[in-house]
Amino acid sequence: MMKRDDEILGALCKSIIHGDVDGAVDAARQVIEHDVDVRKALSFACRDTMQVLGELFEQRKIFIPEVLLSSRAANAAIDFLHSYLSQNNNFHNEGTVVLGVTTGDFHDIGKNMVKMLLELGGFKVYDLGIDTPAEAFLEKAIEVDADIVGVSALMTTSMENMIDVVNLFLEKRDDVKVMVGGAPVTEEFARSIGADGYADDAVKTVQLSRELIKQRATILKGKKRKVSPYQRVMMTLRGEVPDMVPTAPPFQGYWALHHSGMTVGQSIAHPELAAKTQYREDRNSGFDAYECVWDWLAPVEAAGGHVRIEAKGNPVTIEPLLKRAEDIDSLEMPDLQSQERISSAIEAATLINELNDRSRFTYATLAMPFTLAAELRGTQNLLMDLFVNRPYAFKLLKYCTELTISFTSLLQEAGIEAYLFCDPVASGDLISTEVFEEFSLPFINDVFGHFNRSDDKTALHICGNISDRLDIFRGLNTDAVSIDSNVDLSFVRRMLGDRFTIIGNVSALETLYMSSPDKVRTEARRCIEDMGGKGLVLASGCDITVGTPVQNIRTLTLTPKEFM
């Protein structure tokens, strides 16, 4: 009996692989006549067939025409068996599923098998066929009020397009469950792109679909009103509790450029291309908020600083512009609008916001005066000036305050409505609390004072350990504080209460850049739990390191869904 079953299944597989329609139908007839378990036979035969076809395609031993012929033979066998099973089953309504093969893929053997078994399992199935764009999945899901969307792929070159489907449903209809499958797809890949489920064969897909239906019912029962990413961030900044914790990089600009293959120099020379690149990369990453201005040190070169533009990462100040403290006396305020990096940043930010259309929250990253002064004078020189050339140090800090506010004003005129100011040189790893209070804090307050008559949102980021100056932060007139990864968030909450929204603080280097998605998930969950699930924008503790795996970033942005 077992040998005969194997011979029948082997004949079915062979006929499909060779594109033999008559042979495939005859083998299907043998399945029925010899009482082979039809569901098991279909799962076994088609799974093996897909694996063989996938290997042959990857080895370039067969191409699209052969795949299409195999698909035709498989469909003929599936239709024959489906007709038989339909006459011998009673159906009930388990749920509604939309199925399709992802964009750029023309192989539907597996999808057709899944369709048949889902229908036999009591599901209402709408089949979109092959080469299906993400928008078509969404449109059909809305039309038929689908519970689940299933996306399949045979080719590794097309499976990446599943990301577009997942992203679209996360943004537009995150109540609909998205499951993925196909020969090259793995559970790890499915998890990394944010899919709700994965099955490695058609029979398991039926059970997976039932589990997803139960999950969806539970979520809908206790679900908060869904809001857009932009609304999610705004609600958090207002002290409200949205549907889930929002996410931000907070600094992703240079990572996104490098990930897309664009150099920093190219981004400055071609702001329109840079804007489209940032928009695409950040949407694919899944952030609720992201930088629309990332060239935060542009005023250094505008003031006359000696700067080298690297292919990747932040532009570097080669040497101090101000060799002596008294050189500040001859430093003039530049015409910022005539500076290429400034005008490029404004043009890119404007286009990003046009593309974004407030679907996500965007902000400009700028430098606070103390850090700008360190760039112009040199960090060591400035720190010495604080003690031996105090009048000149204060004069330089006032100059840098005016420079920062001038850049801010140009961005406000361009319609930018949120600002994240960075002051890494004011870190507790570099200066004492007393020095911070005397030389950094007054100018931070001056910058935030510029927004007193504005509805624009602001935030402050200081790198490193700032535990010793959190009590001073209580007096800041800002909406949010970004915390580096070496500060415990539960301590931050105890010190600051609900005074600010907190941004942070998964380790950018040790976790996001160097570790696994599981480590990212663990640390992200810790951040959310330490903050009690509110008053937090989940983010990296500092710049996302150039070269950070996109899978780790996707894990960061998807973790808040686990707390919904």
Protein backbone atom coordinates (compact mmCIF):
# COMPACT_ATOMS: atom_id res chain seq x y z
CA MET A 1 0.00 0.00 0.00
CA MET A 2 2.72 2.47 0.98
CA LYS A 3 4.77 1.64 -2.12
CA ARG A 4 1.75 2.13 -4.39
CA ASP A 5 0.95 5.49 -2.75
CA ASP A 6 4.54 6.61 -3.26
CA GLU A 7 4.41 5.60 -6.92
CA ILE A 8 1.20 7.60 -7.46
CA LEU A 9 2.59 10.65 -5.69
CA GLY A 10 5.84 10.34 -7.63
CA ALA A 11 3.92 10.24 -10.90
CA LEU A 12 1.99 13.36 -9.88
CA CYS A 13 5.18 15.24 -9.02
CA LYS A 14 6.95 14.14 -12.20
CA SER A 15 4.02 15.14 -14.41
CA ILE A 16 3.83 18.59 -12.83
CA ILE A 17 7.58 19.19 -13.12
CA HIS A 18 7.51 18.24 -16.80
CA GLY A 19 4.42 20.32 -17.48
CA ASP A 20 2.43 17.23 -18.52
CA VAL A 21 -1.24 18.20 -18.07
CA ASP A 22 -2.67 14.81 -19.09
CA GLY A 23 -0.20 12.95 -16.90
CA ALA A 24 -0.95 15.18 -13.90
CA VAL A 25 -4.71 14.67 -14.25
CA ASP A 26 -4.24 10.91 -14.65
CA ALA A 27 -2.11 10.80 -11.50
CA ALA A 28 -4.77 12.81 -9.65
CA ARG A 29 -7.36 10.28 -10.79
CA GLN A 30 -5.16 7.49 -9.43
CA VAL A 31 -5.03 9.28 -6.06
CA ILE A 32 -8.82 9.06 -5.80
CA GLU A 33 -9.23 5.57 -7.24
CA HIS A 34 -6.68 4.07 -4.86
CA ASP A 35 -7.94 5.93 -1.74
CA VAL A 36 -4.78 7.94 -1.19
CA ASP A 37 -5.42 10.66 1.44
CA VAL A 38 -6.12 13.59 -0.89
CA ARG A 39 -5.13 16.40 1.48
CA LYS A 40 -1.95 14.64 2.52
CA ALA A 41 -1.19 13.74 -1.07
CA LEU A 42 -1.61 17.31 -2.25
CA SER A 43 0.55 18.67 0.53
CA PHE A 44 3.28 16.08 -0.02
CA ALA A 45 3.28 16.15 -3.79
CA CYS A 46 3.02 19.89 -4.32
CA ARG A 47 5.46 20.74 -1.55
CA ASP A 48 8.07 18.47 -3.10
CA THR A 49 7.22 19.83 -6.53
CA MET A 50 7.68 23.43 -5.41
CA GLN A 51 11.00 22.58 -3.79
CA VAL A 52 12.32 20.89 -6.94
CA LEU A 53 11.06 23.70 -9.18
CA GLY A 54 12.57 26.31 -6.90
CA GLU A 55 15.96 24.58 -6.94
CA LEU A 56 15.88 24.18 -10.72
CA PHE A 57 14.95 27.84 -11.14
CA GLU A 58 17.69 29.05 -8.78
CA GLN A 59 20.21 26.86 -10.68
CA ARG A 60 18.99 28.42 -13.95
CA LYS A 61 18.08 24.99 -15.31
CA ILE A 62 14.52 26.12 -15.94
CA PHE A 63 13.07 29.57 -16.60
CA ILE A 64 9.72 31.35 -16.56
CA PRO A 65 8.20 29.39 -19.53
CA GLU A 66 8.93 26.05 -17.86
CA VAL A 67 7.54 27.34 -14.57
CA LEU A 68 4.35 28.43 -16.30
CA LEU A 69 3.97 25.01 -17.96
CA SER A 70 4.45 23.30 -14.60
CA SER A 71 1.89 25.64 -13.07
CA ARG A 72 -0.63 24.73 -15.76
CA ALA A 73 -0.18 21.01 -15.11
CA ALA A 74 -0.44 21.51 -11.35
CA ASN A 75 -3.60 23.58 -11.72
CA ALA A 76 -5.20 20.86 -13.83
CA ALA A 77 -4.51 18.25 -11.14
CA ILE A 78 -5.63 20.56 -8.34
CA ASP A 79 -8.88 21.42 -10.14
CA PHE A 80 -9.60 17.72 -10.64
CA LEU A 81 -9.03 16.91 -6.97
CA HIS A 82 -10.86 20.03 -5.81
CA SER A 83 -13.93 19.00 -7.79
CA TYR A 84 -13.88 15.60 -6.11
CA LEU A 85 -13.42 16.97 -2.60
CA SER A 86 -16.04 19.67 -3.04
CA GLN A 87 -18.65 17.00 -3.68
CA ASN A 88 -17.66 15.11 -0.55
CA ASN A 89 -17.41 17.87 2.09
CA ASN A 90 -19.79 20.05 4.06
CA PHE A 91 -18.60 23.67 4.37
CA HIS A 92 -18.98 26.27 7.10
CA ASN A 93 -17.67 29.82 7.32
CA GLU A 94 -14.30 29.95 9.07
CA GLY A 95 -13.32 33.39 7.75
CA THR A 96 -12.35 35.37 4.66
CA VAL A 97 -8.92 35.15 3.03
CA VAL A 98 -7.40 37.09 0.13
CA LEU A 99 -4.61 35.17 -1.63
CA GLY A 100 -2.08 36.21 -4.24
CA VAL A 101 1.44 35.77 -5.57
CA THR A 102 3.69 38.76 -4.88
CA THR A 103 4.83 41.27 -7.49
CA GLY A 104 7.35 39.91 -9.99
CA ASP A 105 6.50 36.25 -9.36
CA PHE A 106 4.52 34.13 -11.81
CA HIS A 107 4.46 30.82 -9.97
CA ASP A 108 1.13 29.86 -8.40
CA ILE A 109 1.26 26.12 -7.77
CA GLY A 110 1.61 26.54 -4.02
CA LYS A 111 -0.92 29.35 -3.87
CA ASN A 112 -3.49 27.26 -5.74
CA MET A 113 -2.99 24.36 -3.37
CA VAL A 114 -3.44 26.66 -0.37
CA LYS A 115 -6.60 28.07 -1.93
CA MET A 116 -8.11 24.66 -2.38
CA LEU A 117 -7.31 23.46 1.14
CA LEU A 118 -8.58 26.70 2.69
CA GLU A 119 -11.85 26.37 0.81
CA LEU A 120 -12.12 22.76 1.89
CA GLY A 121 -11.46 23.94 5.43
CA GLY A 122 -14.45 26.29 5.32
CA PHE A 123 -12.78 29.59 4.38
CA LYS A 124 -14.08 32.01 1.78
CA VAL A 125 -11.11 32.64 -0.53
CA TYR A 126 -10.56 35.44 -3.06
CA ASP A 127 -7.71 34.64 -5.46
CA LEU A 128 -5.82 37.60 -6.97
CA GLY A 129 -3.57 35.39 -9.09
CA ILE A 130 0.07 36.06 -9.93
CA ASP A 131 2.25 39.21 -10.00
CA THR A 132 0.02 41.02 -7.50
CA PRO A 133 0.99 44.52 -6.29
CA ALA A 134 0.60 45.45 -2.63
CA GLU A 135 -2.19 47.93 -3.42
CA ALA A 136 -4.29 45.18 -5.02
CA PHE A 137 -4.12 43.10 -1.82
CA LEU A 138 -5.27 46.09 0.23
CA GLU A 139 -8.05 47.08 -2.16
CA LYS A 140 -9.49 43.55 -2.22
CA ALA A 141 -9.14 43.10 1.55
CA ILE A 142 -11.14 46.27 2.14
CA GLU A 143 -13.73 45.33 -0.48
CA VAL A 144 -14.48 41.88 0.99
CA ASP A 145 -13.71 42.75 4.65
CA ALA A 146 -10.98 40.11 4.77
CA ASP A 147 -9.66 38.60 7.98
CA ILE A 148 -6.40 37.38 6.44
CA VAL A 149 -4.20 38.16 3.46
CA GLY A 150 -1.90 35.40 2.19
CA VAL A 151 1.13 36.26 0.05
CA SER A 152 3.29 33.65 -1.68
CA ALA A 153 6.56 33.65 -3.63
CA LEU A 154 8.71 31.04 -5.33
CA MET A 155 11.73 33.18 -6.23
CA THR A 156 14.15 34.82 -3.81
CA THR A 157 14.22 37.80 -6.17
CA SER A 158 10.52 38.43 -5.57
CA MET A 159 10.10 37.49 -1.91
CA GLU A 160 11.48 40.90 -0.85
CA ASN A 161 8.34 42.44 -2.39
CA MET A 162 6.35 40.89 0.45
CA ILE A 163 7.73 43.72 2.60
CA ASP A 164 5.62 46.21 0.64
CA VAL A 165 2.45 44.24 1.40
CA VAL A 166 3.23 43.98 5.12
CA ASN A 167 4.11 47.68 5.35
CA LEU A 168 0.94 48.74 3.56
CA PHE A 169 -1.30 46.73 5.87
CA LEU A 170 0.59 47.93 8.95
CA GLU A 171 -0.14 51.49 7.87
CA LYS A 172 -3.66 51.19 6.44
CA ARG A 173 -5.32 48.08 7.95
CA ASP A 174 -3.25 46.56 10.73
CA ASP A 175 -6.32 44.63 11.93
CA VAL A 176 -5.97 42.34 8.88
CA LYS A 177 -3.54 39.48 9.47
CA VAL A 178 -0.83 38.92 6.83
CA MET A 179 0.65 35.44 6.36
CA VAL A 180 3.45 34.55 3.96
CA GLY A 181 4.83 31.38 2.44
CA GLY A 182 6.60 29.80 -0.51
CA ALA A 183 9.72 27.79 -1.25
CA PRO A 184 12.37 30.45 -0.40
CA VAL A 185 10.47 31.96 2.55
CA THR A 186 11.53 31.08 6.09
CA GLU A 187 10.02 31.72 9.50
CA GLU A 188 12.93 34.04 10.31
CA PHE A 189 12.30 36.09 7.16
CA ALA A 190 8.57 36.28 7.91
CA ARG A 191 9.26 37.53 11.42
CA SER A 192 11.83 40.06 10.20
CA ILE A 193 9.38 41.76 7.82
CA GLY A 194 6.57 41.86 10.37
CA ALA A 195 4.30 39.19 8.90
CA ASP A 196 1.73 37.79 11.32
CA GLY A 197 2.25 34.19 10.30
CA TYR A 198 4.25 31.69 8.25
CA ALA A 199 3.64 28.09 7.23
CA ASP A 200 5.99 25.83 5.31
CA ASP A 201 3.28 23.79 3.61
CA ALA A 202 -0.35 24.09 2.55
CA VAL A 203 -1.85 21.85 5.24
CA LYS A 204 -0.21 23.91 7.98
CA THR A 205 -1.57 27.06 6.34
CA VAL A 206 -5.11 25.96 7.15
CA GLN A 207 -4.31 25.56 10.85
CA LEU A 208 -2.33 28.82 10.82
CA SER A 209 -5.33 30.61 9.33
CA ARG A 210 -7.59 29.37 12.11
CA GLU A 211 -5.08 30.61 14.71
CA LEU A 212 -4.84 34.02 13.02
CA ILE A 213 -8.64 34.30 13.00
CA LYS A 214 -8.67 33.75 16.78
CA GLN A 215 -5.88 36.30 17.30
CA ARG A 216 -7.72 38.86 15.21
CA ALA A 217 -10.95 38.37 17.14
CA THR A 218 -9.11 38.89 20.44
CA ILE A 219 -7.39 42.04 19.18
CA LEU A 220 -10.57 43.54 17.75
CA LYS A 221 -12.40 42.90 21.01
CA GLY A 222 -9.99 44.97 23.09
CA LYS A 223 -8.51 47.18 20.39
CA LYS A 224 -8.05 50.90 20.89
CA ARG A 225 -8.95 53.21 18.07
CA LYS A 226 -6.33 52.89 15.35
CA VAL A 227 -4.44 56.08 14.66
CA SER A 228 -1.91 57.08 12.02
CA PRO A 229 1.82 57.12 12.82
CA TYR A 230 1.70 60.93 12.88
CA GLN A 231 -1.22 60.93 15.32
CA ARG A 232 0.49 58.26 17.42
CA VAL A 233 3.51 60.50 17.99
CA MET A 234 1.45 63.65 18.55
CA MET A 235 -0.75 61.90 21.12
CA THR A 236 2.33 60.70 22.98
CA LEU A 237 3.84 64.20 23.00
CA ARG A 238 0.56 65.52 24.46
CA GLY A 239 0.68 62.98 27.27
CA GLU A 240 -2.09 60.81 25.82
CA VAL A 241 -1.95 57.04 25.33
CA PRO A 242 -2.33 55.98 21.67
CA ASP A 243 -3.04 52.51 20.30
CA MET A 244 0.61 51.52 20.78
CA VAL A 245 4.02 52.98 21.60
CA PRO A 246 5.38 54.95 18.61
CA THR A 247 8.88 54.45 17.22
CA ALA A 248 11.62 56.74 15.91
CA PRO A 249 15.32 56.25 14.96
CA PRO A 250 15.92 59.03 16.34
CA PHE A 251 18.85 59.67 13.94
CA GLN A 252 18.65 57.63 10.75
CA GLY A 253 19.63 60.01 7.96
CA TYR A 254 23.15 58.80 7.26
CA TRP A 255 22.22 55.15 7.83
CA ALA A 256 19.42 55.43 5.25
CA LEU A 257 21.67 57.07 2.65
CA HIS A 258 24.30 54.34 3.01
CA HIS A 259 21.73 51.54 2.97
CA SER A 260 20.34 52.85 -0.32
CA GLY A 261 23.80 53.19 -1.88
CA MET A 262 23.85 57.00 -1.93
CA THR A 263 26.93 58.89 -0.75
CA VAL A 264 26.68 61.96 1.46
CA GLY A 265 28.11 64.12 -1.31
CA GLN A 266 25.48 62.88 -3.75
CA SER A 267 22.73 63.63 -1.24
CA ILE A 268 23.90 67.23 -0.90
CA ALA A 269 24.22 67.72 -4.65
CA HIS A 270 20.86 66.07 -5.39
CA PRO A 271 18.40 66.94 -2.60
CA GLU A 272 15.39 65.66 -4.55
CA LEU A 273 16.96 62.22 -4.89
CA ALA A 274 18.04 62.30 -1.24
CA ALA A 275 14.49 63.12 -0.15
CA LYS A 276 12.99 60.24 -2.12
CA THR A 277 15.65 57.91 -0.74
CA GLN A 278 14.97 58.90 2.86
CA TYR A 279 11.22 58.65 2.35
CA ARG A 280 11.50 55.14 0.91
CA GLU A 281 14.03 53.81 3.42
CA ASP A 282 12.21 55.18 6.44
CA ARG A 283 8.82 53.87 5.36
CA ASN A 284 10.34 50.43 4.73
CA SER A 285 11.89 50.55 8.20
CA GLY A 286 8.46 51.14 9.74
CA PHE A 287 9.23 54.20 11.88
CA ASP A 288 6.36 56.41 13.05
CA ALA A 289 8.72 59.40 13.09
CA TYR A 290 12.00 60.17 11.34
CA GLU A 291 14.45 62.93 10.41
CA CYS A 292 13.66 65.15 7.45
CA VAL A 293 16.84 67.16 8.17
CA TRP A 294 19.89 65.09 9.10
CA ASP A 295 22.78 67.42 8.15
CA TRP A 296 22.81 68.83 11.67
CA LEU A 297 26.34 70.24 11.47
CA ALA A 298 25.80 72.18 8.23
CA PRO A 299 26.15 75.55 10.07
CA VAL A 300 29.79 74.68 10.87
CA GLU A 301 30.81 74.87 7.21
CA ALA A 302 28.48 77.83 6.66
CA ALA A 303 30.41 79.76 9.32
CA GLY A 304 33.69 79.00 7.54
CA GLY A 305 34.66 75.74 9.24
CA HIS A 306 37.09 73.37 7.55
CA VAL A 307 35.01 70.28 6.78
CA ARG A 308 35.55 67.00 4.92
CA ILE A 309 32.49 65.31 3.40
CA GLU A 310 32.85 61.57 3.90
CA ALA A 311 31.19 59.06 1.58
CA LYS A 312 29.19 57.83 4.55
CA GLY A 313 28.35 59.20 7.97
CA ASN A 314 28.60 62.69 9.42
CA PRO A 315 30.79 65.28 7.68
CA VAL A 316 33.97 65.75 9.71
CA THR A 317 35.47 69.02 10.95
CA ILE A 318 39.13 68.71 9.95
CA GLU A 319 40.57 71.45 12.15
CA PRO A 320 39.23 74.26 14.33
CA LEU A 321 38.24 77.42 12.50
CA LEU A 322 39.10 79.51 15.57
CA LYS A 323 42.78 78.90 16.33
CA ARG A 324 42.75 81.36 19.23
CA ALA A 325 39.90 82.25 21.58
CA GLU A 326 40.03 85.91 20.49
CA ASP A 327 39.42 84.92 16.84
CA ILE A 328 35.73 85.05 17.70
CA ASP A 329 36.01 88.84 17.41
CA SER A 330 36.44 88.57 13.64
CA LEU A 331 33.81 85.87 13.04
CA GLU A 332 30.84 87.15 11.04
CA MET A 333 27.34 85.71 10.81
CA PRO A 334 27.04 83.91 7.44
CA ASP A 335 24.29 84.27 4.87
CA LEU A 336 22.84 80.80 5.44
CA GLN A 337 20.56 80.86 2.41
CA SER A 338 23.58 81.10 0.10
CA GLN A 339 25.18 77.94 1.54
CA GLU A 340 24.78 74.75 -0.51
CA ARG A 341 24.40 72.36 2.43
CA ILE A 342 21.79 74.60 4.08
CA SER A 343 19.73 75.10 0.92
CA SER A 344 20.02 71.39 0.06
CA ALA A 345 18.80 70.39 3.53
CA ILE A 346 15.81 72.73 3.28
CA GLU A 347 14.89 71.52 -0.21
CA ALA A 348 15.11 67.85 0.80
CA ALA A 349 13.07 68.43 3.97
CA THR A 350 10.36 70.26 2.05
CA LEU A 351 10.05 67.44 -0.47
CA ILE A 352 10.03 64.75 2.23
CA ASN A 353 7.12 66.47 3.94
CA GLU A 354 5.28 66.78 0.63
CA LEU A 355 5.74 63.05 0.00
CA ASN A 356 4.87 62.22 3.59
CA ASP A 357 1.73 64.39 3.74
CA ARG A 358 1.59 64.06 7.55
CA SER A 359 1.19 60.31 7.44
CA ARG A 360 4.30 60.15 9.63
CA PHE A 361 5.87 62.60 12.06
CA THR A 362 9.02 64.31 10.74
CA TYR A 363 11.56 66.54 12.44
CA ALA A 364 14.80 68.43 11.82
CA THR A 365 17.91 67.46 13.75
CA LEU A 366 20.07 70.47 14.71
CA ALA A 367 23.04 71.19 16.98
CA MET A 368 22.78 73.11 20.23
CA PRO A 369 25.18 76.10 20.68
CA PHE A 370 27.63 74.36 23.03
CA THR A 371 28.31 71.60 20.49
CA LEU A 372 28.51 74.05 17.58
CA ALA A 373 31.08 76.04 19.56
CA ALA A 374 33.14 72.87 20.08
CA GLU A 375 33.12 72.26 16.32
CA LEU A 376 34.31 75.80 15.53
CA ARG A 377 36.90 76.10 18.31
CA GLY A 378 37.82 72.43 18.83
CA THR A 379 36.43 70.48 21.79
CA GLN A 380 39.59 70.54 23.90
CA ASN A 381 40.19 74.21 23.18
CA LEU A 382 36.63 75.12 24.12
CA LEU A 383 36.76 73.16 27.37
CA MET A 384 39.96 75.00 28.29
CA ASP A 385 38.42 78.35 27.34
CA LEU A 386 35.62 77.77 29.85
CA PHE A 387 38.24 78.23 32.58
CA VAL A 388 40.98 80.45 31.12
CA ASN A 389 39.18 82.50 28.43
CA ARG A 390 35.68 82.79 29.84
CA PRO A 391 34.64 86.07 28.12
CA TYR A 392 35.58 84.71 24.71
CA ALA A 393 33.83 81.41 25.46
CA PHE A 394 30.61 83.23 26.29
CA LYS A 395 30.93 85.38 23.18
CA LEU A 396 31.36 82.27 21.02
CA LEU A 397 28.36 80.58 22.66
CA LYS A 398 26.18 83.62 21.98
CA TYR A 399 27.34 83.60 18.35
CA CYS A 400 26.47 79.90 18.04
CA THR A 401 23.06 80.51 19.62
CA GLU A 402 22.30 83.12 16.97
CA LEU A 403 23.55 80.74 14.27
CA THR A 404 21.34 77.90 15.52
CA ILE A 405 18.26 80.10 15.75
CA SER A 406 18.92 81.50 12.25
CA PHE A 407 19.01 77.99 10.78
CA THR A 408 15.89 77.09 12.74
CA SER A 409 14.04 80.15 11.43
CA LEU A 410 14.78 79.19 7.82
CA LEU A 411 13.41 75.71 8.46
CA GLN A 412 10.31 77.14 10.10
CA GLU A 413 9.72 79.31 7.05
CA ALA A 414 9.93 76.11 4.97
CA GLY A 415 7.17 74.53 7.08
CA ILE A 416 9.18 72.25 9.38
CA GLU A 417 7.20 71.85 12.60
CA ALA A 418 9.39 69.71 14.90
CA TYR A 419 13.02 69.91 16.02
CA LEU A 420 15.38 67.54 17.83
CA PHE A 421 18.37 69.48 19.17
CA CYS A 422 21.59 67.62 19.96
CA ASP A 423 24.27 68.63 22.45
CA PRO A 424 26.68 65.69 22.65
CA VAL A 425 29.59 67.78 23.98
CA ALA A 426 27.42 68.63 27.01
CA SER A 427 27.49 64.96 28.03
CA GLY A 428 28.11 63.93 31.60
CA ASP A 429 31.04 61.96 30.19
CA LEU A 430 32.75 65.25 29.21
CA ILE A 431 31.71 68.06 31.55
CA SER A 432 30.51 68.38 35.14
CA THR A 433 27.02 69.35 36.17
CA GLU A 434 28.34 72.76 37.27
CA VAL A 435 29.92 73.45 33.88
CA PHE A 436 26.75 72.26 32.16
CA GLU A 437 24.60 74.65 34.19
CA GLU A 438 26.86 77.63 33.47
CA PHE A 439 27.88 77.15 29.85
CA SER A 440 25.38 74.86 28.12
CA LEU A 441 22.03 75.19 29.88
CA PRO A 442 21.53 78.97 29.42
CA PHE A 443 21.94 78.67 25.66
CA ILE A 444 19.71 75.58 25.50
CA ASN A 445 17.07 77.71 27.20
CA ASP A 446 17.65 80.52 24.68
CA VAL A 447 17.06 78.15 21.78
CA PHE A 448 13.91 76.68 23.31
CA GLY A 449 12.78 80.21 24.16
CA HIS A 450 12.69 80.88 20.42
CA PHE A 451 9.67 78.54 20.29
CA ASN A 452 7.67 80.24 23.06
CA ARG A 453 5.13 81.66 20.60
CA SER A 454 5.11 78.63 18.35
CA ASP A 455 3.19 75.35 18.28
CA ASP A 456 6.26 73.57 16.93
CA LYS A 457 7.45 70.54 18.90
CA THR A 458 10.97 70.31 20.34
CA ALA A 459 13.20 67.70 21.95
CA LEU A 460 16.70 67.56 23.44
CA HIS A 461 19.30 64.81 23.03
CA ILE A 462 22.56 64.69 24.99
CA CYS A 463 24.79 61.68 24.43
CA GLY A 464 26.23 59.52 27.17
CA ASN A 465 25.40 59.35 30.85
CA ILE A 466 23.31 62.32 31.99
CA SER A 467 21.97 60.75 35.18
CA ASP A 468 23.64 63.44 37.31
CA ARG A 469 21.76 66.30 35.60
CA LEU A 470 18.28 64.91 35.11
CA ASP A 471 16.97 66.96 38.01
CA ILE A 472 18.09 70.10 36.12
CA PHE A 473 16.10 68.96 33.09
CA ARG A 474 12.82 69.45 34.94
CA GLY A 475 13.02 73.16 34.18
CA LEU A 476 13.50 72.74 30.42
CA ASN A 477 10.80 74.16 28.16
CA THR A 478 10.68 71.28 25.70
CA ASP A 479 8.32 68.44 24.80
CA ALA A 480 10.67 65.46 24.87
CA VAL A 481 14.08 64.27 26.02
CA SER A 482 16.12 61.67 24.13
CA ILE A 483 18.05 59.33 26.43
CA ASP A 484 21.18 57.37 25.51
CA SER A 485 21.33 53.63 26.20
CA ASN A 486 23.59 53.82 29.27
CA VAL A 487 20.87 55.52 31.34
CA ASP A 488 18.18 53.36 32.93
CA LEU A 489 14.71 54.41 31.76
CA SER A 490 13.02 53.43 35.01
CA PHE A 491 15.41 55.85 36.76
CA VAL A 492 14.60 58.53 34.18
CA ARG A 493 10.89 58.08 34.84
CA ARG A 494 11.42 58.37 38.60
CA MET A 495 13.46 61.56 38.15
CA LEU A 496 11.32 63.30 35.53
CA GLY A 497 7.88 61.80 36.16
CA ASP A 498 5.48 62.64 33.35
CA ARG A 499 7.12 66.01 32.65
CA PHE A 500 8.41 64.97 29.20
CA THR A 501 7.96 62.31 26.58
CA ILE A 502 11.04 60.09 26.67
CA ILE A 503 12.78 58.98 23.46
CA GLY A 504 15.01 55.89 23.67
CA ASN A 505 16.90 53.86 24.40
CA VAL A 506 17.95 50.59 22.74
CA SER A 507 21.74 50.46 22.33
CA ALA A 508 22.68 51.65 18.85
CA LEU A 509 26.02 49.84 18.70
CA GLU A 510 25.91 46.77 20.93
CA THR A 511 22.31 45.79 20.16
CA LEU A 512 21.03 47.25 16.89
CA TYR A 513 24.33 47.07 15.02
CA MET A 514 26.04 44.03 16.55
CA SER A 515 23.33 41.74 17.93
CA SER A 516 20.47 39.57 16.74
CA PRO A 517 16.80 40.43 16.23
CA ASP A 518 15.99 38.48 19.40
CA LYS A 519 18.33 40.71 21.43
CA VAL A 520 16.76 43.80 19.84
CA ARG A 521 13.30 42.56 20.76
CA THR A 522 14.34 41.83 24.35
CA GLU A 523 15.86 45.27 24.85
CA ALA A 524 12.95 47.04 23.15
CA ARG A 525 10.50 45.22 25.40
CA ARG A 526 12.55 46.27 28.40
CA CYS A 527 12.28 49.92 27.36
CA ILE A 528 8.51 49.71 27.00
CA GLU A 529 8.09 47.88 30.30
CA ASP A 530 10.39 50.31 32.17
CA MET A 531 8.19 53.18 30.97
CA GLY A 532 4.95 51.40 31.79
CA GLY A 533 3.96 51.40 28.12
CA LYS A 534 3.32 55.14 27.95
CA GLY A 535 5.12 58.45 27.60
CA LEU A 536 7.70 56.77 25.37
CA VAL A 537 8.85 56.99 21.78
CA LEU A 538 10.78 53.74 21.37
CA ALA A 539 14.09 54.47 19.65
CA SER A 540 17.79 53.84 19.50
CA GLY A 541 19.83 55.53 22.21
CA CYS A 542 21.79 57.51 19.61
CA ASP A 543 22.59 57.52 15.85
CA ILE A 544 21.69 54.32 14.04
CA THR A 545 25.14 53.11 13.03
CA VAL A 546 25.86 52.99 9.31
CA GLY A 547 25.62 49.34 8.28
CA THR A 548 23.04 48.36 10.91
CA PRO A 549 21.00 45.40 9.55
CA VAL A 550 17.56 46.46 8.37
CA GLN A 551 16.16 43.29 9.97
CA ASN A 552 17.17 44.60 13.40
CA ILE A 553 15.57 47.96 12.70
CA ARG A 554 12.36 46.27 11.57
CA THR A 555 12.37 44.26 14.80
CA LEU A 556 12.64 47.49 16.79
CA THR A 557 9.69 49.10 15.00
CA LEU A 558 7.53 45.97 15.21
CA THR A 559 8.03 45.20 18.92
CA PRO A 560 5.37 47.68 20.17
CA LYS A 561 2.71 45.62 18.36
CA GLU A 562 3.30 42.87 20.91
CA PHE A 563 1.92 45.19 23.62
CA MET A 564 -1.26 46.22 21.79
